[in-house]
Amino acid sequence: MEEIKECCHKKKERSEKEYKDLIHRLNRIEGQVRGIKKMVESDTYCTDILVQVSAVNAALNSFNKVLLANHIRTCVANDIRDGKEETIDELVATLQKLMR
């Protein structure tokens, strides 16, 4: 008989303000991506599309910065206070992925 292992996923409870800010940013990014798709569908000139793609990249980078800062201020700080040193390794690994 196969042993079933429970999967434990971490969750983050966000304040209403943080949640609304992140969702607002993602909705704007989603709209920008839909706009790029329409540009491709309507045969828009390449450089105009590239400029919009650059804007989406900047918006995603900004989203990452906000999310990372919130993560460090809350999750990481709380875990360190609670003696969970492995959180530092997790943060370092995350930063390495973000800097590729």
N, C-alpha and C. Protein backbone atom coordinates (compact mmCIF):
# COMPACT_ATOMS: atom_id res chain seq x y z
N MET A 1 0.84 -1.19 0.00
CA MET A 1 0.00 0.00 0.00
C MET A 1 0.89 1.25 0.00
N GLU A 2 0.56 2.19 -0.86
CA GLU A 2 1.35 3.40 -1.00
C GLU A 2 1.05 4.38 0.13
N GLU A 3 2.13 4.93 0.69
CA GLU A 3 1.97 5.91 1.76
C GLU A 3 1.64 7.28 1.16
N ILE A 4 0.64 7.94 1.70
CA ILE A 4 0.25 9.26 1.23
C ILE A 4 0.88 10.29 2.15
N LYS A 5 1.65 11.18 1.55
CA LYS A 5 2.29 12.23 2.32
C LYS A 5 1.51 13.52 2.14
N GLU A 6 1.25 14.19 3.24
CA GLU A 6 0.58 15.47 3.14
C GLU A 6 1.53 16.52 2.61
N CYS A 7 1.02 17.35 1.77
CA CYS A 7 1.81 18.45 1.23
C CYS A 7 1.56 19.68 2.09
N CYS A 8 2.61 20.28 2.54
CA CYS A 8 2.47 21.46 3.38
C CYS A 8 2.89 22.70 2.60
N HIS A 9 1.94 23.54 2.25
CA HIS A 9 2.24 24.77 1.54
C HIS A 9 2.17 25.94 2.50
N LYS A 10 3.15 26.81 2.40
CA LYS A 10 3.14 28.01 3.22
C LYS A 10 2.10 28.96 2.67
N LYS A 11 1.50 29.71 3.55
CA LYS A 11 0.54 30.72 3.14
C LYS A 11 0.91 32.03 3.77
N LYS A 12 0.41 33.11 3.20
CA LYS A 12 0.70 34.45 3.71
C LYS A 12 -0.61 35.20 3.85
N GLU A 13 -0.90 35.63 5.06
CA GLU A 13 -2.06 36.48 5.27
C GLU A 13 -1.62 37.92 5.06
N ARG A 14 -2.25 38.57 4.10
CA ARG A 14 -1.90 39.95 3.77
C ARG A 14 -2.94 40.91 4.33
N SER A 15 -2.48 42.11 4.64
CA SER A 15 -3.42 43.14 5.05
C SER A 15 -4.29 43.49 3.84
N GLU A 16 -5.43 44.08 4.10
CA GLU A 16 -6.32 44.48 3.02
C GLU A 16 -5.62 45.46 2.06
N LYS A 17 -4.84 46.37 2.62
CA LYS A 17 -4.13 47.36 1.81
C LYS A 17 -3.09 46.68 0.91
N GLU A 18 -2.30 45.77 1.48
CA GLU A 18 -1.28 45.07 0.70
C GLU A 18 -1.94 44.25 -0.40
N TYR A 19 -3.01 43.53 -0.05
CA TYR A 19 -3.73 42.71 -1.02
C TYR A 19 -4.25 43.56 -2.17
N LYS A 20 -4.91 44.67 -1.86
CA LYS A 20 -5.47 45.52 -2.90
C LYS A 20 -4.38 46.12 -3.79
N ASP A 21 -3.27 46.51 -3.19
CA ASP A 21 -2.16 47.07 -3.97
C ASP A 21 -1.60 46.04 -4.94
N LEU A 22 -1.36 44.82 -4.46
CA LEU A 22 -0.80 43.78 -5.33
C LEU A 22 -1.77 43.43 -6.47
N ILE A 23 -3.04 43.28 -6.13
CA ILE A 23 -4.05 42.94 -7.15
C ILE A 23 -4.17 44.07 -8.17
N HIS A 24 -4.13 45.32 -7.70
CA HIS A 24 -4.21 46.47 -8.61
C HIS A 24 -3.04 46.46 -9.59
N ARG A 25 -1.85 46.21 -9.07
CA ARG A 25 -0.67 46.15 -9.93
C ARG A 25 -0.79 45.03 -10.95
N LEU A 26 -1.24 43.86 -10.50
CA LEU A 26 -1.38 42.72 -11.42
C LEU A 26 -2.45 42.98 -12.47
N ASN A 27 -3.54 43.62 -12.08
CA ASN A 27 -4.59 43.95 -13.06
C ASN A 27 -4.06 44.90 -14.14
N ARG A 28 -3.24 45.88 -13.73
CA ARG A 28 -2.65 46.80 -14.71
C ARG A 28 -1.71 46.05 -15.65
N ILE A 29 -0.90 45.17 -15.08
CA ILE A 29 0.04 44.38 -15.91
C ILE A 29 -0.74 43.50 -16.88
N GLU A 30 -1.79 42.87 -16.39
CA GLU A 30 -2.62 42.02 -17.24
C GLU A 30 -3.20 42.83 -18.41
N GLY A 31 -3.65 44.04 -18.11
CA GLY A 31 -4.17 44.91 -19.17
C GLY A 31 -3.09 45.27 -20.18
N GLN A 32 -1.89 45.54 -19.69
CA GLN A 32 -0.78 45.86 -20.59
C GLN A 32 -0.47 44.68 -21.51
N VAL A 33 -0.48 43.47 -20.97
CA VAL A 33 -0.18 42.28 -21.78
C VAL A 33 -1.28 42.07 -22.82
N ARG A 34 -2.54 42.29 -22.43
CA ARG A 34 -3.63 42.18 -23.42
C ARG A 34 -3.45 43.22 -24.52
N GLY A 35 -2.99 44.41 -24.14
CA GLY A 35 -2.74 45.46 -25.13
C GLY A 35 -1.65 45.05 -26.10
N ILE A 36 -0.62 44.40 -25.60
CA ILE A 36 0.46 43.93 -26.48
C ILE A 36 -0.07 42.88 -27.45
N LYS A 37 -0.91 41.99 -26.95
CA LYS A 37 -1.49 40.96 -27.82
C LYS A 37 -2.29 41.61 -28.95
N LYS A 38 -3.07 42.63 -28.61
CA LYS A 38 -3.85 43.33 -29.64
C LYS A 38 -2.93 44.03 -30.64
N MET A 39 -1.81 44.55 -30.16
CA MET A 39 -0.84 45.19 -31.06
C MET A 39 -0.31 44.18 -32.06
N VAL A 40 0.01 42.98 -31.59
CA VAL A 40 0.52 41.93 -32.49
C VAL A 40 -0.57 41.54 -33.48
N GLU A 41 -1.79 41.37 -32.97
CA GLU A 41 -2.90 40.97 -33.84
C GLU A 41 -3.21 42.02 -34.91
N SER A 42 -2.93 43.29 -34.60
CA SER A 42 -3.22 44.36 -35.57
C SER A 42 -1.97 44.80 -36.35
N ASP A 43 -0.95 43.95 -36.32
CA ASP A 43 0.27 44.19 -37.10
C ASP A 43 0.96 45.52 -36.77
N THR A 44 0.98 45.86 -35.51
CA THR A 44 1.66 47.08 -35.06
C THR A 44 3.16 46.94 -35.32
N TYR A 45 3.80 48.04 -35.59
CA TYR A 45 5.23 48.09 -35.88
C TYR A 45 6.03 47.53 -34.69
N CYS A 46 7.06 46.76 -34.99
CA CYS A 46 7.83 46.02 -33.98
C CYS A 46 8.33 46.89 -32.84
N THR A 47 8.91 48.02 -33.16
CA THR A 47 9.50 48.84 -32.08
C THR A 47 8.45 49.37 -31.12
N ASP A 48 7.24 49.63 -31.63
CA ASP A 48 6.16 50.06 -30.74
C ASP A 48 5.78 48.95 -29.75
N ILE A 49 5.77 47.72 -30.24
CA ILE A 49 5.48 46.57 -29.37
C ILE A 49 6.60 46.40 -28.35
N LEU A 50 7.84 46.50 -28.82
CA LEU A 50 8.98 46.34 -27.92
C LEU A 50 8.95 47.35 -26.78
N VAL A 51 8.55 48.56 -27.06
CA VAL A 51 8.45 49.58 -26.01
C VAL A 51 7.41 49.16 -24.97
N GLN A 52 6.30 48.62 -25.43
CA GLN A 52 5.26 48.18 -24.49
C GLN A 52 5.71 46.96 -23.68
N VAL A 53 6.44 46.06 -24.31
CA VAL A 53 6.98 44.90 -23.59
C VAL A 53 7.95 45.38 -22.50
N SER A 54 8.74 46.37 -22.82
CA SER A 54 9.66 46.93 -21.84
C SER A 54 8.89 47.52 -20.65
N ALA A 55 7.77 48.16 -20.93
CA ALA A 55 6.94 48.72 -19.86
C ALA A 55 6.37 47.62 -18.97
N VAL A 56 5.98 46.50 -19.57
CA VAL A 56 5.47 45.36 -18.78
C VAL A 56 6.58 44.78 -17.92
N ASN A 57 7.77 44.66 -18.48
CA ASN A 57 8.91 44.16 -17.70
C ASN A 57 9.18 45.07 -16.51
N ALA A 58 9.13 46.37 -16.72
CA ALA A 58 9.35 47.32 -15.63
C ALA A 58 8.27 47.19 -14.57
N ALA A 59 7.02 47.00 -15.00
CA ALA A 59 5.91 46.85 -14.05
C ALA A 59 6.06 45.56 -13.24
N LEU A 60 6.49 44.48 -13.89
CA LEU A 60 6.72 43.22 -13.17
C LEU A 60 7.87 43.35 -12.19
N ASN A 61 8.93 44.04 -12.58
CA ASN A 61 10.04 44.26 -11.66
C ASN A 61 9.60 45.08 -10.45
N SER A 62 8.78 46.07 -10.69
CA SER A 62 8.26 46.89 -9.59
C SER A 62 7.39 46.04 -8.66
N PHE A 63 6.55 45.18 -9.24
CA PHE A 63 5.72 44.27 -8.45
C PHE A 63 6.61 43.38 -7.57
N ASN A 64 7.67 42.82 -8.18
CA ASN A 64 8.59 41.96 -7.43
C ASN A 64 9.23 42.70 -6.27
N LYS A 65 9.65 43.95 -6.50
CA LYS A 65 10.28 44.74 -5.44
C LYS A 65 9.33 44.96 -4.28
N VAL A 66 8.09 45.30 -4.58
CA VAL A 66 7.09 45.52 -3.52
C VAL A 66 6.83 44.23 -2.76
N LEU A 67 6.63 43.14 -3.49
CA LEU A 67 6.35 41.85 -2.86
C LEU A 67 7.53 41.38 -2.02
N LEU A 68 8.73 41.53 -2.53
CA LEU A 68 9.92 41.12 -1.79
C LEU A 68 10.09 41.95 -0.52
N ALA A 69 9.91 43.25 -0.62
CA ALA A 69 10.03 44.11 0.56
C ALA A 69 9.01 43.72 1.63
N ASN A 70 7.78 43.48 1.21
CA ASN A 70 6.75 43.04 2.17
C ASN A 70 7.12 41.70 2.79
N HIS A 71 7.65 40.80 1.98
CA HIS A 71 8.04 39.48 2.46
C HIS A 71 9.13 39.58 3.53
N ILE A 72 10.14 40.41 3.26
CA ILE A 72 11.24 40.56 4.21
C ILE A 72 10.75 41.19 5.51
N ARG A 73 9.91 42.23 5.38
CA ARG A 73 9.41 42.93 6.57
C ARG A 73 8.50 42.07 7.44
N THR A 74 7.83 41.11 6.83
CA THR A 74 6.86 40.31 7.59
C THR A 74 7.36 38.88 7.80
N CYS A 75 7.26 38.06 6.78
CA CYS A 75 7.57 36.63 6.89
C CYS A 75 8.99 36.39 7.39
N VAL A 76 9.96 36.99 6.72
CA VAL A 76 11.36 36.75 7.07
C VAL A 76 11.66 37.26 8.47
N ALA A 77 11.26 38.48 8.76
CA ALA A 77 11.52 39.06 10.09
C ALA A 77 10.87 38.22 11.19
N ASN A 78 9.63 37.80 10.99
CA ASN A 78 8.94 36.99 12.00
C ASN A 78 9.62 35.64 12.20
N ASP A 79 10.01 35.00 11.09
CA ASP A 79 10.67 33.70 11.19
C ASP A 79 12.01 33.81 11.92
N ILE A 80 12.76 34.87 11.64
CA ILE A 80 14.05 35.05 12.32
C ILE A 80 13.81 35.26 13.82
N ARG A 81 12.81 36.07 14.15
CA ARG A 81 12.48 36.28 15.58
C ARG A 81 12.10 34.97 16.26
N ASP A 82 11.45 34.07 15.47
CA ASP A 82 11.02 32.78 16.01
C ASP A 82 12.13 31.73 15.95
N GLY A 83 13.34 32.13 15.52
CA GLY A 83 14.47 31.21 15.49
C GLY A 83 14.51 30.30 14.28
N LYS A 84 13.73 30.58 13.25
CA LYS A 84 13.71 29.74 12.04
C LYS A 84 14.77 30.23 11.07
N GLU A 85 16.00 29.84 11.33
CA GLU A 85 17.14 30.29 10.53
C GLU A 85 17.08 29.82 9.07
N GLU A 86 16.36 28.73 8.80
CA GLU A 86 16.27 28.22 7.43
C GLU A 86 15.60 29.22 6.49
N THR A 87 14.87 30.15 7.06
CA THR A 87 14.23 31.19 6.25
C THR A 87 15.27 32.05 5.54
N ILE A 88 16.43 32.24 6.16
CA ILE A 88 17.49 33.02 5.53
C ILE A 88 17.99 32.30 4.28
N ASP A 89 18.17 30.99 4.37
CA ASP A 89 18.59 30.21 3.20
C ASP A 89 17.54 30.30 2.09
N GLU A 90 16.28 30.24 2.47
CA GLU A 90 15.20 30.36 1.50
C GLU A 90 15.23 31.73 0.81
N LEU A 91 15.46 32.78 1.59
CA LEU A 91 15.53 34.12 1.04
C LEU A 91 16.72 34.26 0.08
N VAL A 92 17.87 33.73 0.47
CA VAL A 92 19.05 33.79 -0.40
C VAL A 92 18.77 33.06 -1.71
N ALA A 93 18.16 31.89 -1.66
CA ALA A 93 17.84 31.12 -2.86
C ALA A 93 16.87 31.91 -3.75
N THR A 94 15.90 32.56 -3.12
CA THR A 94 14.93 33.36 -3.88
C THR A 94 15.62 34.52 -4.57
N LEU A 95 16.48 35.22 -3.84
CA LEU A 95 17.22 36.36 -4.42
C LEU A 95 18.09 35.90 -5.59
N GLN A 96 18.71 34.74 -5.45
CA GLN A 96 19.54 34.23 -6.54
C GLN A 96 18.71 33.97 -7.79
N LYS A 97 17.49 33.45 -7.61
CA LYS A 97 16.61 33.22 -8.74
C LYS A 97 16.18 34.53 -9.39
N LEU A 98 15.91 35.53 -8.57
CA LEU A 98 15.47 36.82 -9.08
C LEU A 98 16.57 37.55 -9.83
N MET A 99 17.83 37.24 -9.52
CA MET A 99 18.95 37.97 -10.12
C MET A 99 19.52 37.28 -11.36
N ARG A 100 18.88 36.28 -11.85
CA ARG A 100 19.37 35.58 -13.05
C ARG A 100 19.28 36.46 -14.26
